[in-house]
């Protein structure tokens, strides 16, 4: 997929590990994708182990949307969708009906109170990079200049040096 420079594009990471009004986590992610504006690419849905203390497995996906909203406008829209799905602010890393995060923006980097694009932790998360690499492998990270495919590959590399006791 080639990211157009004439129309703003966003990569949105989606996750759920709690039942909501649409059903289980898989149904919640599917319904969230349908609620997003201008979806042009969708990764497959994957099950992952949670980051942090939550014990419930997540269903994750990444989508690319074409949207003329500025990053803060899109963030407001995403927060409205989360509230409509029953998401309540609370404990960090807790189980959640839906989580929608702006990962990348075709405009490069963005920083304002409450929003930073690229997402601070996305390059360390295989549950984001793996799905994103399947739908936008050549999208470049504005901070490092590496492609998503390169970032995903680097994340999955294992140090072959044996541990000595």
N, C-alpha and C. Protein backbone atom coordinates (compact mmCIF):
# COMPACT_ATOMS: atom_id res chain seq x y z
N UNK A 1 0.84 -1.18 0.00
CA UNK A 1 0.00 0.00 0.00
C UNK A 1 0.88 1.23 0.00
N UNK A 2 0.60 2.16 -0.87
CA UNK A 2 1.32 3.42 -0.93
C UNK A 2 0.48 4.47 -0.23
N UNK A 3 1.12 5.22 0.65
CA UNK A 3 0.42 6.27 1.39
C UNK A 3 0.41 7.53 0.55
N UNK A 4 -0.78 8.02 0.26
CA UNK A 4 -0.96 9.21 -0.55
C UNK A 4 -0.48 10.44 0.20
N UNK A 5 0.10 11.36 -0.53
CA UNK A 5 0.51 12.62 0.10
C UNK A 5 -0.55 13.70 -0.10
N UNK A 6 -1.57 13.43 -0.91
CA UNK A 6 -2.61 14.42 -1.14
C UNK A 6 -3.73 14.34 -0.12
N UNK A 7 -3.96 13.19 0.43
CA UNK A 7 -5.02 12.99 1.42
C UNK A 7 -4.39 12.45 2.70
N UNK A 8 -4.65 13.07 3.84
CA UNK A 8 -4.05 12.56 5.08
C UNK A 8 -4.48 11.12 5.38
N UNK A 9 -3.53 10.32 5.82
CA UNK A 9 -3.78 8.94 6.21
C UNK A 9 -3.29 8.75 7.64
N UNK A 10 -3.97 7.87 8.33
CA UNK A 10 -3.60 7.53 9.70
C UNK A 10 -3.56 6.02 9.84
N UNK A 11 -2.65 5.52 10.65
CA UNK A 11 -2.66 4.13 11.08
C UNK A 11 -3.24 4.13 12.49
N UNK A 12 -4.28 3.34 12.69
CA UNK A 12 -4.98 3.26 13.98
C UNK A 12 -4.82 1.84 14.51
N UNK A 13 -4.29 1.71 15.72
CA UNK A 13 -4.20 0.41 16.39
C UNK A 13 -5.48 0.21 17.20
N UNK A 14 -6.02 -1.00 17.13
CA UNK A 14 -7.28 -1.32 17.81
C UNK A 14 -7.06 -2.55 18.67
N UNK A 15 -7.60 -2.52 19.90
CA UNK A 15 -7.50 -3.67 20.78
C UNK A 15 -8.71 -3.78 21.68
N UNK A 16 -9.02 -5.01 22.07
CA UNK A 16 -10.10 -5.28 23.02
C UNK A 16 -9.78 -6.56 23.76
N UNK A 17 -10.07 -6.57 25.06
CA UNK A 17 -9.97 -7.82 25.82
C UNK A 17 -11.11 -7.96 26.83
N UNK A 18 -12.23 -7.30 26.50
CA UNK A 18 -13.39 -7.40 27.38
C UNK A 18 -14.65 -7.39 26.55
N UNK A 19 -15.60 -8.15 26.96
CA UNK A 19 -16.90 -8.20 26.29
C UNK A 19 -17.59 -6.84 26.41
N UNK A 20 -18.29 -6.45 25.34
CA UNK A 20 -19.05 -5.21 25.33
C UNK A 20 -20.40 -5.41 24.68
N UNK A 21 -21.03 -4.34 24.29
CA UNK A 21 -22.38 -4.45 23.73
C UNK A 21 -22.42 -5.13 22.37
N UNK A 22 -21.28 -5.25 21.71
CA UNK A 22 -21.21 -5.93 20.41
C UNK A 22 -20.88 -7.41 20.55
N UNK A 23 -20.47 -7.83 21.74
CA UNK A 23 -20.09 -9.22 21.97
C UNK A 23 -18.69 -9.30 22.56
N UNK A 24 -18.01 -10.40 22.27
CA UNK A 24 -16.65 -10.60 22.77
C UNK A 24 -15.65 -9.67 22.10
N UNK A 25 -14.38 -9.75 22.51
CA UNK A 25 -13.36 -8.86 21.97
C UNK A 25 -13.27 -8.85 20.44
N UNK A 26 -13.38 -10.00 19.79
CA UNK A 26 -13.32 -10.05 18.32
C UNK A 26 -14.46 -9.22 17.71
N UNK A 27 -15.66 -9.35 18.27
CA UNK A 27 -16.81 -8.59 17.77
C UNK A 27 -16.65 -7.10 18.05
N UNK A 28 -16.05 -6.76 19.18
CA UNK A 28 -15.83 -5.35 19.51
C UNK A 28 -14.84 -4.70 18.53
N UNK A 29 -13.76 -5.41 18.22
CA UNK A 29 -12.78 -4.89 17.26
C UNK A 29 -13.43 -4.73 15.88
N UNK A 30 -14.18 -5.73 15.46
CA UNK A 30 -14.85 -5.66 14.16
C UNK A 30 -15.83 -4.48 14.11
N UNK A 31 -16.58 -4.27 15.18
CA UNK A 31 -17.53 -3.14 15.22
C UNK A 31 -16.79 -1.80 15.25
N UNK A 32 -15.65 -1.74 15.93
CA UNK A 32 -14.87 -0.50 15.96
C UNK A 32 -14.34 -0.15 14.58
N UNK A 33 -13.90 -1.16 13.83
CA UNK A 33 -13.42 -0.92 12.47
C UNK A 33 -14.55 -0.32 11.64
N UNK A 34 -15.75 -0.85 11.80
CA UNK A 34 -16.90 -0.33 11.05
C UNK A 34 -17.26 1.09 11.45
N UNK A 35 -16.94 1.49 12.68
CA UNK A 35 -17.27 2.83 13.18
C UNK A 35 -16.25 3.89 12.76
N UNK A 36 -15.10 3.46 12.26
CA UNK A 36 -14.05 4.41 11.90
C UNK A 36 -14.32 5.06 10.54
N UNK A 37 -13.90 6.32 10.37
CA UNK A 37 -14.10 7.00 9.09
C UNK A 37 -13.05 6.59 8.07
N UNK A 38 -13.43 6.44 6.81
CA UNK A 38 -12.50 6.31 5.70
C UNK A 38 -11.54 5.14 5.74
N UNK A 39 -11.97 3.99 6.23
CA UNK A 39 -11.08 2.83 6.31
C UNK A 39 -10.70 2.37 4.90
N UNK A 40 -9.40 2.29 4.64
CA UNK A 40 -8.93 1.84 3.32
C UNK A 40 -8.11 0.57 3.36
N UNK A 41 -7.67 0.15 4.55
CA UNK A 41 -6.94 -1.10 4.69
C UNK A 41 -7.13 -1.63 6.11
N UNK A 42 -7.30 -2.94 6.22
CA UNK A 42 -7.52 -3.58 7.51
C UNK A 42 -6.60 -4.80 7.61
N UNK A 43 -5.88 -4.90 8.71
CA UNK A 43 -5.06 -6.09 8.95
C UNK A 43 -5.98 -7.22 9.40
N UNK A 44 -5.43 -8.40 9.49
CA UNK A 44 -6.20 -9.48 10.07
C UNK A 44 -6.24 -9.26 11.58
N UNK A 45 -7.22 -9.86 12.24
CA UNK A 45 -7.32 -9.79 13.68
C UNK A 45 -6.44 -10.87 14.29
N UNK A 46 -5.69 -10.49 15.33
CA UNK A 46 -4.81 -11.45 15.99
C UNK A 46 -5.10 -11.47 17.48
N UNK A 47 -4.83 -12.60 18.12
CA UNK A 47 -4.94 -12.71 19.57
C UNK A 47 -3.56 -12.58 20.16
N UNK A 48 -3.46 -11.80 21.24
CA UNK A 48 -2.16 -11.54 21.85
C UNK A 48 -2.26 -11.59 23.37
N UNK A 49 -1.13 -11.79 23.99
CA UNK A 49 -1.08 -11.73 25.45
C UNK A 49 -1.08 -10.26 25.86
N UNK A 50 -1.62 -9.97 27.04
CA UNK A 50 -1.69 -8.56 27.46
C UNK A 50 -0.33 -7.99 27.86
N UNK A 51 -0.21 -6.68 27.71
CA UNK A 51 0.93 -5.94 28.24
C UNK A 51 0.48 -5.42 29.59
N UNK A 52 1.24 -5.64 30.62
CA UNK A 52 0.84 -5.19 31.95
C UNK A 52 0.10 -6.26 32.73
N UNK A 53 -0.59 -5.87 33.80
CA UNK A 53 -1.16 -6.83 34.73
C UNK A 53 -2.46 -7.52 34.30
N UNK A 54 -3.10 -7.11 33.24
CA UNK A 54 -4.35 -7.73 32.84
C UNK A 54 -4.11 -9.20 32.51
N UNK A 55 -5.07 -10.05 32.86
CA UNK A 55 -4.91 -11.48 32.60
C UNK A 55 -5.66 -11.93 31.35
N UNK A 56 -6.49 -11.09 30.78
CA UNK A 56 -7.28 -11.46 29.61
C UNK A 56 -6.50 -11.22 28.32
N UNK A 57 -6.59 -12.19 27.40
CA UNK A 57 -5.96 -12.04 26.09
C UNK A 57 -6.66 -10.95 25.29
N UNK A 58 -5.90 -10.30 24.43
CA UNK A 58 -6.42 -9.24 23.57
C UNK A 58 -6.68 -9.76 22.17
N UNK A 59 -7.60 -9.09 21.49
CA UNK A 59 -7.74 -9.19 20.04
C UNK A 59 -7.27 -7.84 19.53
N UNK A 60 -6.33 -7.86 18.58
CA UNK A 60 -5.75 -6.64 18.04
C UNK A 60 -5.84 -6.61 16.53
N UNK A 61 -5.86 -5.41 15.99
CA UNK A 61 -5.81 -5.18 14.55
C UNK A 61 -5.27 -3.77 14.34
N UNK A 62 -4.90 -3.49 13.10
CA UNK A 62 -4.49 -2.15 12.71
C UNK A 62 -5.22 -1.82 11.41
N UNK A 63 -5.68 -0.57 11.31
CA UNK A 63 -6.32 -0.11 10.08
C UNK A 63 -5.62 1.14 9.60
N UNK A 64 -5.73 1.39 8.31
CA UNK A 64 -5.31 2.67 7.75
C UNK A 64 -6.57 3.36 7.30
N UNK A 65 -6.71 4.63 7.71
CA UNK A 65 -7.87 5.42 7.32
C UNK A 65 -7.41 6.65 6.55
N UNK A 66 -8.23 7.07 5.59
CA UNK A 66 -8.03 8.34 4.90
C UNK A 66 -9.02 9.29 5.54
N UNK A 67 -8.52 10.36 6.12
CA UNK A 67 -9.37 11.25 6.91
C UNK A 67 -8.78 12.65 6.89
N UNK A 68 -9.59 13.65 6.65
CA UNK A 68 -9.10 15.02 6.60
C UNK A 68 -8.98 15.67 7.97
N UNK A 69 -9.38 14.97 9.03
CA UNK A 69 -9.24 15.50 10.38
C UNK A 69 -7.77 15.75 10.71
N UNK A 70 -7.51 16.76 11.51
CA UNK A 70 -6.17 16.95 12.06
C UNK A 70 -5.98 15.87 13.13
N UNK A 71 -4.75 15.61 13.54
CA UNK A 71 -4.55 14.60 14.59
C UNK A 71 -5.40 14.84 15.86
N UNK A 72 -5.48 16.07 16.39
CA UNK A 72 -6.33 16.26 17.58
C UNK A 72 -7.82 16.02 17.28
N UNK A 73 -8.28 16.40 16.08
CA UNK A 73 -9.67 16.15 15.72
C UNK A 73 -9.96 14.66 15.64
N UNK A 74 -9.04 13.91 15.03
CA UNK A 74 -9.24 12.46 14.94
C UNK A 74 -9.18 11.84 16.33
N UNK A 75 -8.29 12.30 17.19
CA UNK A 75 -8.22 11.78 18.55
C UNK A 75 -9.56 11.98 19.27
N UNK A 76 -10.16 13.15 19.12
CA UNK A 76 -11.47 13.41 19.74
C UNK A 76 -12.51 12.42 19.21
N UNK A 77 -12.47 12.18 17.90
CA UNK A 77 -13.40 11.23 17.29
C UNK A 77 -13.20 9.82 17.85
N UNK A 78 -11.94 9.41 17.99
CA UNK A 78 -11.63 8.09 18.53
C UNK A 78 -12.10 7.96 19.99
N UNK A 79 -11.89 9.00 20.77
CA UNK A 79 -12.33 8.97 22.18
C UNK A 79 -13.86 8.88 22.26
N UNK A 80 -14.56 9.53 21.34
CA UNK A 80 -16.03 9.42 21.31
C UNK A 80 -16.45 7.99 20.99
N UNK A 81 -15.79 7.37 20.03
CA UNK A 81 -16.10 5.98 19.69
C UNK A 81 -15.84 5.09 20.90
N UNK A 82 -14.71 5.29 21.58
CA UNK A 82 -14.41 4.49 22.77
C UNK A 82 -15.50 4.63 23.82
N UNK A 83 -15.94 5.86 24.08
CA UNK A 83 -17.02 6.08 25.06
C UNK A 83 -18.31 5.42 24.62
N UNK A 84 -18.64 5.54 23.32
CA UNK A 84 -19.85 4.91 22.79
C UNK A 84 -19.81 3.39 22.94
N UNK A 85 -18.62 2.81 22.92
CA UNK A 85 -18.47 1.37 23.08
C UNK A 85 -18.45 0.95 24.55
N UNK A 86 -18.48 1.93 25.46
CA UNK A 86 -18.50 1.62 26.88
C UNK A 86 -17.15 1.71 27.57
N UNK A 87 -16.18 2.26 26.91
CA UNK A 87 -14.86 2.42 27.53
C UNK A 87 -14.93 3.49 28.59
N UNK A 88 -14.39 3.18 29.74
CA UNK A 88 -14.33 4.13 30.84
C UNK A 88 -12.87 4.31 31.24
N UNK A 89 -12.49 5.52 31.50
CA UNK A 89 -11.12 5.79 31.93
C UNK A 89 -10.95 5.22 33.33
N UNK A 90 -9.80 4.69 33.57
CA UNK A 90 -9.53 4.09 34.87
C UNK A 90 -8.09 3.67 34.96
N UNK A 91 -7.91 2.50 35.51
CA UNK A 91 -6.58 1.97 35.71
C UNK A 91 -5.85 1.75 34.39
N UNK A 92 -4.59 2.14 34.36
CA UNK A 92 -3.76 1.88 33.19
C UNK A 92 -3.53 0.37 33.08
N UNK A 93 -3.56 -0.15 31.86
CA UNK A 93 -3.34 -1.56 31.56
C UNK A 93 -4.52 -2.45 31.97
N UNK A 94 -5.62 -1.88 32.40
CA UNK A 94 -6.77 -2.70 32.80
C UNK A 94 -7.47 -3.27 31.57
N UNK A 95 -8.35 -4.27 31.80
CA UNK A 95 -9.16 -4.82 30.71
C UNK A 95 -9.99 -3.68 30.13
N UNK A 96 -10.23 -3.75 28.81
CA UNK A 96 -10.99 -2.68 28.16
C UNK A 96 -11.84 -3.23 27.03
N UNK A 97 -12.99 -2.60 26.87
CA UNK A 97 -13.88 -2.98 25.78
C UNK A 97 -13.23 -2.65 24.44
N UNK A 98 -12.66 -1.47 24.34
CA UNK A 98 -12.02 -1.06 23.08
C UNK A 98 -10.93 -0.03 23.38
N UNK A 99 -9.88 -0.10 22.62
CA UNK A 99 -8.78 0.86 22.72
C UNK A 99 -8.42 1.25 21.29
N UNK A 100 -8.44 2.53 21.01
CA UNK A 100 -8.12 3.05 19.68
C UNK A 100 -6.98 4.06 19.82
N UNK A 101 -5.87 3.78 19.17
CA UNK A 101 -4.69 4.66 19.26
C UNK A 101 -4.22 5.08 17.89
N UNK A 102 -3.94 6.37 17.74
CA UNK A 102 -3.30 6.85 16.52
C UNK A 102 -1.84 6.44 16.61
N UNK A 103 -1.39 5.65 15.64
CA UNK A 103 -0.02 5.16 15.62
C UNK A 103 0.85 6.04 14.74
N UNK A 104 0.39 6.29 13.52
CA UNK A 104 1.13 7.10 12.55
C UNK A 104 0.18 8.03 11.81
N UNK A 105 0.75 9.08 11.26
CA UNK A 105 0.01 10.06 10.46
C UNK A 105 0.88 10.37 9.25
N UNK A 106 0.27 10.44 8.07
CA UNK A 106 1.05 10.69 6.85
C UNK A 106 1.70 12.07 6.86
N UNK A 107 1.29 12.93 7.75
CA UNK A 107 1.89 14.26 7.87
C UNK A 107 3.19 14.26 8.65
N UNK A 108 3.61 13.10 9.16
CA UNK A 108 4.87 13.01 9.91
C UNK A 108 4.64 12.98 11.40
N UNK A 109 5.42 13.74 12.12
CA UNK A 109 5.31 13.77 13.58
C UNK A 109 4.35 14.87 14.01
N UNK A 110 3.69 14.65 15.14
CA UNK A 110 2.76 15.62 15.73
C UNK A 110 2.92 15.55 17.23
N UNK A 111 2.94 16.70 17.86
CA UNK A 111 3.01 16.74 19.31
C UNK A 111 2.16 17.88 19.82
N UNK A 112 1.23 17.53 20.71
CA UNK A 112 0.40 18.52 21.38
C UNK A 112 0.01 17.92 22.73
N UNK A 113 -0.54 18.72 23.63
CA UNK A 113 -0.93 18.16 24.93
C UNK A 113 -1.90 16.98 24.74
N UNK A 114 -1.55 15.85 25.31
CA UNK A 114 -2.40 14.67 25.23
C UNK A 114 -2.28 13.84 23.97
N UNK A 115 -1.40 14.23 23.03
CA UNK A 115 -1.27 13.47 21.79
C UNK A 115 0.15 13.57 21.25
N UNK A 116 0.68 12.42 20.93
CA UNK A 116 1.99 12.36 20.29
C UNK A 116 1.95 11.33 19.18
N UNK A 117 2.29 11.75 17.99
CA UNK A 117 2.33 10.87 16.83
C UNK A 117 3.72 11.01 16.22
N UNK A 118 4.44 9.91 15.98
CA UNK A 118 4.00 8.55 16.16
C UNK A 118 3.79 8.20 17.63
N UNK A 119 2.93 7.20 17.85
CA UNK A 119 2.64 6.72 19.20
C UNK A 119 3.96 6.34 19.85
N UNK A 120 4.13 6.72 21.10
CA UNK A 120 5.42 6.53 21.77
C UNK A 120 5.90 5.09 21.82
N UNK A 121 5.01 4.12 21.98
CA UNK A 121 5.44 2.74 22.20
C UNK A 121 5.21 1.83 21.00
N UNK A 122 4.69 2.34 19.89
CA UNK A 122 4.29 1.44 18.81
C UNK A 122 5.45 0.63 18.25
N UNK A 123 6.63 1.20 18.17
CA UNK A 123 7.77 0.51 17.56
C UNK A 123 8.30 -0.62 18.43
N UNK A 124 7.81 -0.73 19.67
CA UNK A 124 8.21 -1.81 20.57
C UNK A 124 7.12 -2.87 20.71
N UNK A 125 6.07 -2.75 19.93
CA UNK A 125 4.92 -3.64 20.10
C UNK A 125 4.66 -4.47 18.84
N UNK A 126 4.94 -5.74 18.95
CA UNK A 126 4.73 -6.63 17.81
C UNK A 126 3.25 -6.72 17.43
N UNK A 127 2.35 -6.56 18.42
CA UNK A 127 0.92 -6.63 18.12
C UNK A 127 0.44 -5.41 17.33
N UNK A 128 1.28 -4.39 17.20
CA UNK A 128 0.99 -3.25 16.32
C UNK A 128 1.80 -3.38 15.03
N UNK A 129 3.11 -3.57 15.16
CA UNK A 129 3.97 -3.62 13.97
C UNK A 129 3.66 -4.80 13.05
N UNK A 130 3.39 -5.96 13.63
CA UNK A 130 3.09 -7.14 12.80
C UNK A 130 1.90 -6.90 11.88
N UNK A 131 0.74 -6.55 12.44
CA UNK A 131 -0.41 -6.27 11.58
C UNK A 131 -0.19 -5.08 10.64
N UNK A 132 0.45 -4.02 11.13
CA UNK A 132 0.69 -2.85 10.29
C UNK A 132 1.61 -3.19 9.11
N UNK A 133 2.58 -4.05 9.34
CA UNK A 133 3.50 -4.44 8.27
C UNK A 133 2.79 -5.20 7.16
N UNK A 134 1.65 -5.81 7.46
CA UNK A 134 0.92 -6.53 6.41
C UNK A 134 0.10 -5.60 5.52
N UNK A 135 -0.22 -4.41 6.01
CA UNK A 135 -1.07 -3.50 5.21
C UNK A 135 -0.33 -2.23 4.75
N UNK A 136 0.75 -1.87 5.41
CA UNK A 136 1.51 -0.67 5.01
C UNK A 136 3.00 -0.88 5.28
N UNK A 137 3.60 -1.90 4.66
CA UNK A 137 4.99 -2.24 4.98
C UNK A 137 6.01 -1.16 4.62
N UNK A 138 5.70 -0.31 3.63
CA UNK A 138 6.67 0.71 3.19
C UNK A 138 6.46 2.07 3.85
N UNK A 139 5.44 2.19 4.71
CA UNK A 139 5.22 3.45 5.42
C UNK A 139 6.45 3.68 6.29
N UNK A 140 7.00 4.87 6.25
CA UNK A 140 8.21 5.18 7.01
C UNK A 140 7.89 5.87 8.33
N UNK A 141 8.60 5.42 9.34
CA UNK A 141 8.52 6.05 10.65
C UNK A 141 9.19 7.42 10.54
N UNK A 142 8.49 8.50 10.93
CA UNK A 142 9.09 9.83 10.77
C UNK A 142 10.27 10.08 11.71
N UNK A 143 10.38 9.31 12.77
CA UNK A 143 11.49 9.52 13.71
C UNK A 143 12.77 8.84 13.25
N UNK A 144 12.67 7.59 12.83
CA UNK A 144 13.87 6.82 12.47
C UNK A 144 14.12 6.76 10.97
N UNK A 145 13.08 6.99 10.16
CA UNK A 145 13.20 6.86 8.72
C UNK A 145 13.08 5.42 8.23
N UNK A 146 12.97 4.48 9.16
CA UNK A 146 12.83 3.07 8.78
C UNK A 146 11.39 2.77 8.34
N UNK A 147 11.26 1.76 7.47
CA UNK A 147 9.93 1.34 7.07
C UNK A 147 9.31 0.50 8.19
N UNK A 148 8.01 0.33 8.12
CA UNK A 148 7.32 -0.52 9.09
C UNK A 148 7.86 -1.95 8.99
N UNK A 149 8.09 -2.42 7.79
CA UNK A 149 8.65 -3.76 7.61
C UNK A 149 10.00 -3.88 8.33
N UNK A 150 10.86 -2.86 8.21
CA UNK A 150 12.16 -2.89 8.88
C UNK A 150 12.00 -2.87 10.40
N UNK A 151 11.11 -2.03 10.89
CA UNK A 151 10.88 -1.97 12.34
C UNK A 151 10.38 -3.30 12.87
N UNK A 152 9.44 -3.92 12.15
CA UNK A 152 8.90 -5.22 12.57
C UNK A 152 9.99 -6.28 12.57
N UNK A 153 10.83 -6.27 11.55
CA UNK A 153 11.92 -7.24 11.45
C UNK A 153 12.91 -7.06 12.60
N UNK A 154 13.26 -5.84 12.89
CA UNK A 154 14.20 -5.56 13.99
C UNK A 154 13.63 -6.00 15.33
N UNK A 155 12.34 -5.81 15.52
CA UNK A 155 11.70 -6.18 16.78
C UNK A 155 11.71 -7.69 16.98
N UNK A 156 11.58 -8.43 15.90
CA UNK A 156 11.49 -9.90 15.99
C UNK A 156 12.84 -10.59 16.04
N UNK A 157 13.91 -9.85 15.75
CA UNK A 157 15.25 -10.47 15.78
C UNK A 157 15.59 -10.89 17.21
N UNK A 158 16.16 -12.05 17.32
CA UNK A 158 16.60 -12.56 18.61
C UNK A 158 18.11 -12.55 18.63
N UNK A 159 18.67 -12.12 19.73
CA UNK A 159 20.13 -12.11 19.86
C UNK A 159 20.61 -13.56 19.92
N UNK A 160 21.41 -14.00 18.93
CA UNK A 160 21.87 -15.39 18.91
C UNK A 160 23.00 -15.69 19.89
N UNK A 161 23.48 -14.70 20.61
CA UNK A 161 24.57 -14.91 21.54
C UNK A 161 24.07 -15.71 22.74
N UNK A 162 24.69 -16.87 23.00
CA UNK A 162 24.24 -17.67 24.15
C UNK A 162 24.57 -16.98 25.47
N UNK A 163 23.73 -17.23 26.44
CA UNK A 163 23.96 -16.68 27.78
C UNK A 163 24.94 -17.61 28.49
N UNK A 164 25.98 -17.03 29.05
CA UNK A 164 26.99 -17.82 29.77
C UNK A 164 26.72 -17.74 31.27
N UNK A 165 26.82 -18.87 31.89
CA UNK A 165 26.63 -18.90 33.36
C UNK A 165 27.94 -18.89 34.06
